[in-house]
Amino acid sequence: MAQCECGCGGDVSSGQFLAGHDQKLRTSLEQRVGGLLPLRALVEAAHSYCAGSDTEEKFTQIVRGIFAAA
């Protein structure tokens, strides 16, 4: 058996989450970065950096700005 990916410690027999726990993980991530919009900004910044559109310096500034505000 695998453990639920939300971090609750529960075991799942199939899939990655216990029923409804994918939302627990999303909510936890949103809280850690200060809401849904900062989470979106973080994902977009990572995507842009990995695509080669932004420098590491710009990516780092964005990430630090998001977590400083959280």
PDB file of N, CA and C in Angstrom:
ATOM      1  N   MET A   1       0.837  -1.198   0.000  1.00  0.00           N
ATOM      2  CA  MET A   1       0.000   0.000   0.000  1.00  0.00           C
ATOM      3  C   MET A   1       0.873   1.249   0.000  1.00  0.00           C
ATOM      4  N   ALA A   2       0.331   2.285  -0.589  1.00  0.00           N
ATOM      5  CA  ALA A   2       1.034   3.570  -0.635  1.00  0.00           C
ATOM      6  C   ALA A   2       0.366   4.539   0.342  1.00  0.00           C
ATOM      7  N   GLN A   3       1.113   5.556   0.740  1.00  0.00           N
ATOM      8  CA  GLN A   3       0.551   6.571   1.620  1.00  0.00           C
ATOM      9  C   GLN A   3      -0.127   7.663   0.804  1.00  0.00           C
ATOM     10  N   CYS A   4      -1.158   8.256   1.374  1.00  0.00           N
ATOM     11  CA  CYS A   4      -1.885   9.358   0.758  1.00  0.00           C
ATOM     12  C   CYS A   4      -0.910  10.519   0.538  1.00  0.00           C
ATOM     13  N   GLU A   5      -0.952  11.101  -0.655  1.00  0.00           N
ATOM     14  CA  GLU A   5      -0.024  12.176  -1.020  1.00  0.00           C
ATOM     15  C   GLU A   5      -0.313  13.497  -0.306  1.00  0.00           C
ATOM     16  N   CYS A   6      -1.432  13.611   0.416  1.00  0.00           N
ATOM     17  CA  CYS A   6      -1.719  14.875   1.102  1.00  0.00           C
ATOM     18  C   CYS A   6      -0.895  15.029   2.377  1.00  0.00           C
ATOM     19  N   GLY A   7      -0.282  13.934   2.808  1.00  0.00           N
ATOM     20  CA  GLY A   7       0.542  13.999   4.010  1.00  0.00           C
ATOM     21  C   GLY A   7      -0.175  13.606   5.283  1.00  0.00           C
ATOM     22  N   CYS A   8      -1.393  13.078   5.159  1.00  0.00           N
ATOM     23  CA  CYS A   8      -2.184  12.716   6.346  1.00  0.00           C
ATOM     24  C   CYS A   8      -1.689  11.444   7.018  1.00  0.00           C
ATOM     25  N   GLY A   9      -0.905  10.640   6.305  1.00  0.00           N
ATOM     26  CA  GLY A   9      -0.398   9.387   6.850  1.00  0.00           C
ATOM     27  C   GLY A   9      -1.292   8.199   6.570  1.00  0.00           C
ATOM     28  N   GLY A  10      -2.432   8.434   5.916  1.00  0.00           N
ATOM     29  CA  GLY A  10      -3.343   7.341   5.588  1.00  0.00           C
ATOM     30  C   GLY A  10      -2.830   6.513   4.427  1.00  0.00           C
ATOM     31  N   ASP A  11      -3.263   5.263   4.395  1.00  0.00           N
ATOM     32  CA  ASP A  11      -2.867   4.354   3.329  1.00  0.00           C
ATOM     33  C   ASP A  11      -3.941   4.304   2.256  1.00  0.00           C
ATOM     34  N   VAL A  12      -3.517   4.289   1.011  1.00  0.00           N
ATOM     35  CA  VAL A  12      -4.439   4.157  -0.117  1.00  0.00           C
ATOM     36  C   VAL A  12      -4.145   2.845  -0.829  1.00  0.00           C
ATOM     37  N   SER A  13      -5.203   2.168  -1.255  1.00  0.00           N
ATOM     38  CA  SER A  13      -5.017   0.904  -1.970  1.00  0.00           C
ATOM     39  C   SER A  13      -4.887   1.139  -3.467  1.00  0.00           C
ATOM     40  N   SER A  14      -5.442   2.262  -3.934  1.00  0.00           N
ATOM     41  CA  SER A  14      -5.287   2.623  -5.344  1.00  0.00           C
ATOM     42  C   SER A  14      -5.294   4.143  -5.444  1.00  0.00           C
ATOM     43  N   GLY A  15      -4.671   4.652  -6.473  1.00  0.00           N
ATOM     44  CA  GLY A  15      -4.589   6.100  -6.633  1.00  0.00           C
ATOM     45  C   GLY A  15      -3.556   6.713  -5.703  1.00  0.00           C
ATOM     46  N   GLN A  16      -3.612   8.043  -5.585  1.00  0.00           N
ATOM     47  CA  GLN A  16      -2.615   8.747  -4.779  1.00  0.00           C
ATOM     48  C   GLN A  16      -3.206   9.409  -3.544  1.00  0.00           C
ATOM     49  N   PHE A  17      -4.538   9.514  -3.482  1.00  0.00           N
ATOM     50  CA  PHE A  17      -5.181  10.218  -2.370  1.00  0.00           C
ATOM     51  C   PHE A  17      -6.350   9.418  -1.812  1.00  0.00           C
ATOM     52  N   LEU A  18      -6.581   9.574  -0.527  1.00  0.00           N
ATOM     53  CA  LEU A  18      -7.845   9.123   0.041  1.00  0.00           C
ATOM     54  C   LEU A  18      -8.931  10.052  -0.488  1.00  0.00           C
ATOM     55  N   ALA A  19     -10.150   9.615  -0.454  1.00  0.00           N
ATOM     56  CA  ALA A  19     -11.260  10.403  -1.007  1.00  0.00           C
ATOM     57  C   ALA A  19     -11.263  11.821  -0.438  1.00  0.00           C
ATOM     58  N   GLY A  20     -11.225  12.823  -1.329  1.00  0.00           N
ATOM     59  CA  GLY A  20     -11.272  14.223  -0.942  1.00  0.00           C
ATOM     60  C   GLY A  20      -9.964  14.824  -0.470  1.00  0.00           C
ATOM     61  N   HIS A  21      -8.943  14.020  -0.322  1.00  0.00           N
ATOM     62  CA  HIS A  21      -7.684  14.523   0.232  1.00  0.00           C
ATOM     63  C   HIS A  21      -6.860  15.305  -0.776  1.00  0.00           C
ATOM     64  N   ASP A  22      -7.170  15.193  -2.066  1.00  0.00           N
ATOM     65  CA  ASP A  22      -6.474  16.030  -3.037  1.00  0.00           C
ATOM     66  C   ASP A  22      -6.778  17.494  -2.762  1.00  0.00           C
ATOM     67  N   GLN A  23      -7.991  17.775  -2.288  1.00  0.00           N
ATOM     68  CA  GLN A  23      -8.364  19.143  -1.929  1.00  0.00           C
ATOM     69  C   GLN A  23      -7.644  19.595  -0.666  1.00  0.00           C
ATOM     70  N   LYS A  24      -7.389  18.673   0.259  1.00  0.00           N
ATOM     71  CA  LYS A  24      -6.626  19.011   1.461  1.00  0.00           C
ATOM     72  C   LYS A  24      -5.221  19.466   1.085  1.00  0.00           C
ATOM     73  N   LEU A  25      -4.620  18.747   0.138  1.00  0.00           N
ATOM     74  CA  LEU A  25      -3.275  19.106  -0.300  1.00  0.00           C
ATOM     75  C   LEU A  25      -3.281  20.470  -0.966  1.00  0.00           C
ATOM     76  N   ARG A  26      -4.242  20.709  -1.870  1.00  0.00           N
ATOM     77  CA  ARG A  26      -4.325  22.001  -2.549  1.00  0.00           C
ATOM     78  C   ARG A  26      -4.509  23.128  -1.544  1.00  0.00           C
ATOM     79  N   THR A  27      -5.384  22.943  -0.577  1.00  0.00           N
ATOM     80  CA  THR A  27      -5.630  23.957   0.438  1.00  0.00           C
ATOM     81  C   THR A  27      -4.366  24.224   1.254  1.00  0.00           C
ATOM     82  N   SER A  28      -3.660  23.171   1.600  1.00  0.00           N
ATOM     83  CA  SER A  28      -2.414  23.317   2.364  1.00  0.00           C
ATOM     84  C   SER A  28      -1.376  24.106   1.569  1.00  0.00           C
ATOM     85  N   LEU A  29      -1.247  23.792   0.278  1.00  0.00           N
ATOM     86  CA  LEU A  29      -0.286  24.513  -0.568  1.00  0.00           C
ATOM     87  C   LEU A  29      -0.674  25.980  -0.704  1.00  0.00           C
ATOM     88  N   GLU A  30      -1.966  26.236  -0.896  1.00  0.00           N
ATOM     89  CA  GLU A  30      -2.439  27.623  -0.996  1.00  0.00           C
ATOM     90  C   GLU A  30      -2.105  28.394   0.269  1.00  0.00           C
ATOM     91  N   GLN A  31      -2.329  27.788   1.422  1.00  0.00           N
ATOM     92  CA  GLN A  31      -2.057  28.467   2.689  1.00  0.00           C
ATOM     93  C   GLN A  31      -0.570  28.762   2.845  1.00  0.00           C
ATOM     94  N   ARG A  32       0.280  27.854   2.402  1.00  0.00           N
ATOM     95  CA  ARG A  32       1.722  28.036   2.552  1.00  0.00           C
ATOM     96  C   ARG A  32       2.257  29.195   1.729  1.00  0.00           C
ATOM     97  N   VAL A  33       1.605  29.495   0.595  1.00  0.00           N
ATOM     98  CA  VAL A  33       2.089  30.585  -0.257  1.00  0.00           C
ATOM     99  C   VAL A  33       1.237  31.839  -0.152  1.00  0.00           C
ATOM    100  N   GLY A  34       0.150  31.792   0.610  1.00  0.00           N
ATOM    101  CA  GLY A  34      -0.668  32.984   0.817  1.00  0.00           C
ATOM    102  C   GLY A  34      -1.910  33.084  -0.043  1.00  0.00           C
ATOM    103  N   GLY A  35      -2.341  31.985  -0.651  1.00  0.00           N
ATOM    104  CA  GLY A  35      -3.582  31.991  -1.415  1.00  0.00           C
ATOM    105  C   GLY A  35      -3.413  31.393  -2.806  1.00  0.00           C
ATOM    106  N   LEU A  36      -4.521  31.335  -3.522  1.00  0.00           N
ATOM    107  CA  LEU A  36      -4.532  30.722  -4.842  1.00  0.00           C
ATOM    108  C   LEU A  36      -3.754  31.545  -5.872  1.00  0.00           C
ATOM    109  N   LEU A  37      -3.867  32.859  -5.831  1.00  0.00           N
ATOM    110  CA  LEU A  37      -3.161  33.688  -6.816  1.00  0.00           C
ATOM    111  C   LEU A  37      -1.643  33.621  -6.663  1.00  0.00           C
ATOM    112  N   PRO A  38      -1.102  33.666  -5.435  1.00  0.00           N
ATOM    113  CA  PRO A  38       0.346  33.471  -5.306  1.00  0.00           C
ATOM    114  C   PRO A  38       0.788  32.069  -5.746  1.00  0.00           C
ATOM    115  N   LEU A  39      -0.061  31.055  -5.513  1.00  0.00           N
ATOM    116  CA  LEU A  39       0.260  29.710  -5.980  1.00  0.00           C
ATOM    117  C   LEU A  39       0.330  29.693  -7.499  1.00  0.00           C
ATOM    118  N   ARG A  40      -0.608  30.351  -8.136  1.00  0.00           N
ATOM    119  CA  ARG A  40      -0.598  30.460  -9.598  1.00  0.00           C
ATOM    120  C   ARG A  40       0.675  31.169 -10.070  1.00  0.00           C
ATOM    121  N   ALA A  41       1.031  32.267  -9.408  1.00  0.00           N
ATOM    122  CA  ALA A  41       2.234  33.011  -9.787  1.00  0.00           C
ATOM    123  C   ALA A  41       3.485  32.145  -9.639  1.00  0.00           C
ATOM    124  N   LEU A  42       3.529  31.329  -8.601  1.00  0.00           N
ATOM    125  CA  LEU A  42       4.668  30.449  -8.377  1.00  0.00           C
ATOM    126  C   LEU A  42       4.781  29.414  -9.495  1.00  0.00           C
ATOM    127  N   VAL A  43       3.662  28.815  -9.858  1.00  0.00           N
ATOM    128  CA  VAL A  43       3.661  27.815 -10.931  1.00  0.00           C
ATOM    129  C   VAL A  43       4.040  28.465 -12.263  1.00  0.00           C
ATOM    130  N   GLU A  44       3.487  29.628 -12.531  1.00  0.00           N
ATOM    131  CA  GLU A  44       3.807  30.320 -13.781  1.00  0.00           C
ATOM    132  C   GLU A  44       5.281  30.720 -13.843  1.00  0.00           C
ATOM    133  N   ALA A  45       5.824  31.148 -12.723  1.00  0.00           N
ATOM    134  CA  ALA A  45       7.237  31.517 -12.679  1.00  0.00           C
ATOM    135  C   ALA A  45       8.120  30.298 -12.918  1.00  0.00           C
ATOM    136  N   ALA A  46       7.762  29.173 -12.318  1.00  0.00           N
ATOM    137  CA  ALA A  46       8.535  27.944 -12.521  1.00  0.00           C
ATOM    138  C   ALA A  46       8.454  27.496 -13.975  1.00  0.00           C
ATOM    139  N   HIS A  47       7.275  27.578 -14.531  1.00  0.00           N
ATOM    140  CA  HIS A  47       7.098  27.182 -15.932  1.00  0.00           C
ATOM    141  C   HIS A  47       7.920  28.081 -16.854  1.00  0.00           C
ATOM    142  N   SER A  48       7.863  29.367 -16.624  1.00  0.00           N
ATOM    143  CA  SER A  48       8.597  30.329 -17.444  1.00  0.00           C
ATOM    144  C   SER A  48      10.105  30.108 -17.333  1.00  0.00           C
ATOM    145  N   TYR A  49      10.582  29.858 -16.123  1.00  0.00           N
ATOM    146  CA  TYR A  49      12.010  29.612 -15.908  1.00  0.00           C
ATOM    147  C   TYR A  49      12.447  28.330 -16.619  1.00  0.00           C
ATOM    148  N   CYS A  50      11.667  27.263 -16.466  1.00  0.00           N
ATOM    149  CA  CYS A  50      12.019  25.986 -17.087  1.00  0.00           C
ATOM    150  C   CYS A  50      11.950  26.049 -18.613  1.00  0.00           C
ATOM    151  N   ALA A  51      11.097  26.914 -19.135  1.00  0.00           N
ATOM    152  CA  ALA A  51      10.986  27.082 -20.587  1.00  0.00           C
ATOM    153  C   ALA A  51      12.104  27.961 -21.141  1.00  0.00           C
ATOM    154  N   GLY A  52      12.903  28.547 -20.249  1.00  0.00           N
ATOM    155  CA  GLY A  52      14.008  29.395 -20.682  1.00  0.00           C
ATOM    156  C   GLY A  52      13.612  30.839 -20.921  1.00  0.00           C
ATOM    157  N   SER A  53      12.386  31.206 -20.527  1.00  0.00           N
ATOM    158  CA  SER A  53      11.916  32.579 -20.744  1.00  0.00           C
ATOM    159  C   SER A  53      12.414  33.555 -19.691  1.00  0.00           C
ATOM    160  N   ASP A  54      12.767  33.049 -18.518  1.00  0.00           N
ATOM    161  CA  ASP A  54      13.244  33.903 -17.431  1.00  0.00           C
ATOM    162  C   ASP A  54      14.582  33.394 -16.920  1.00  0.00           C
ATOM    163  N   THR A  55      15.347  34.293 -16.343  1.00  0.00           N
ATOM    164  CA  THR A  55      16.634  33.930 -15.751  1.00  0.00           C
ATOM    165  C   THR A  55      16.404  33.344 -14.359  1.00  0.00           C
ATOM    166  N   GLU A  56      17.432  32.692 -13.867  1.00  0.00           N
ATOM    167  CA  GLU A  56      17.363  32.152 -12.507  1.00  0.00           C
ATOM    168  C   GLU A  56      17.193  33.290 -11.500  1.00  0.00           C
ATOM    169  N   GLU A  57      17.840  34.403 -11.771  1.00  0.00           N
ATOM    170  CA  GLU A  57      17.743  35.560 -10.875  1.00  0.00           C
ATOM    171  C   GLU A  57      16.306  36.061 -10.789  1.00  0.00           C
ATOM    172  N   LYS A  58      15.637  36.183 -11.926  1.00  0.00           N
ATOM    173  CA  LYS A  58      14.246  36.645 -11.916  1.00  0.00           C
ATOM    174  C   LYS A  58      13.350  35.632 -11.222  1.00  0.00           C
ATOM    175  N   PHE A  59      13.556  34.359 -11.500  1.00  0.00           N
ATOM    176  CA  PHE A  59      12.764  33.314 -10.846  1.00  0.00           C
ATOM    177  C   PHE A  59      12.932  33.378  -9.328  1.00  0.00           C
ATOM    178  N   THR A  60      14.172  33.518  -8.892  1.00  0.00           N
ATOM    179  CA  THR A  60      14.446  33.595  -7.454  1.00  0.00           C
ATOM    180  C   THR A  60      13.765  34.810  -6.828  1.00  0.00           C
ATOM    181  N   GLN A  61      13.793  35.939  -7.502  1.00  0.00           N
ATOM    182  CA  GLN A  61      13.126  37.142  -6.993  1.00  0.00           C
ATOM    183  C   GLN A  61      11.627  36.916  -6.838  1.00  0.00           C
ATOM    184  N   ILE A  62      11.012  36.281  -7.818  1.00  0.00           N
ATOM    185  CA  ILE A  62       9.580  36.002  -7.753  1.00  0.00           C
ATOM    186  C   ILE A  62       9.265  35.076  -6.592  1.00  0.00           C
ATOM    187  N   VAL A  63      10.025  34.005  -6.470  1.00  0.00           N
ATOM    188  CA  VAL A  63       9.782  33.034  -5.391  1.00  0.00           C
ATOM    189  C   VAL A  63       9.957  33.695  -4.022  1.00  0.00           C
ATOM    190  N   ARG A  64      11.024  34.446  -3.857  1.00  0.00           N
ATOM    191  CA  ARG A  64      11.246  35.115  -2.569  1.00  0.00           C
ATOM    192  C   ARG A  64      10.152  36.126  -2.275  1.00  0.00           C
ATOM    193  N   GLY A  65       9.683  36.823  -3.298  1.00  0.00           N
ATOM    194  CA  GLY A  65       8.588  37.778  -3.109  1.00  0.00           C
ATOM    195  C   GLY A  65       7.300  37.110  -2.681  1.00  0.00           C
ATOM    196  N   ILE A  66       7.020  35.959  -3.258  1.00  0.00           N
ATOM    197  CA  ILE A  66       5.805  35.222  -2.887  1.00  0.00           C
ATOM    198  C   ILE A  66       5.887  34.752  -1.440  1.00  0.00           C
ATOM    199  N   PHE A  67       7.006  34.169  -1.069  1.00  0.00           N
ATOM    200  CA  PHE A  67       7.102  33.645   0.288  1.00  0.00           C
ATOM    201  C   PHE A  67       7.323  34.730   1.337  1.00  0.00           C
ATOM    202  N   ALA A  68       7.867  35.863   0.954  1.00  0.00           N
ATOM    203  CA  ALA A  68       8.011  36.968   1.914  1.00  0.00           C
ATOM    204  C   ALA A  68       6.650  37.533   2.272  1.00  0.00           C
ATOM    205  N   ALA A  69       5.745  37.507   1.307  1.00  0.00           N
ATOM    206  CA  ALA A  69       4.399  38.065   1.531  1.00  0.00           C
ATOM    207  C   ALA A  69       3.477  37.080   2.252  1.00  0.00           C
ATOM    208  N   ALA A  70       3.840  35.791   2.231  1.00  0.00           N
ATOM    209  CA  ALA A  70       2.953  34.762   2.821  1.00  0.00           C
ATOM    210  C   ALA A  70       2.983  34.804   4.330  1.00  0.00           C
TER     211      ALA A  70
END
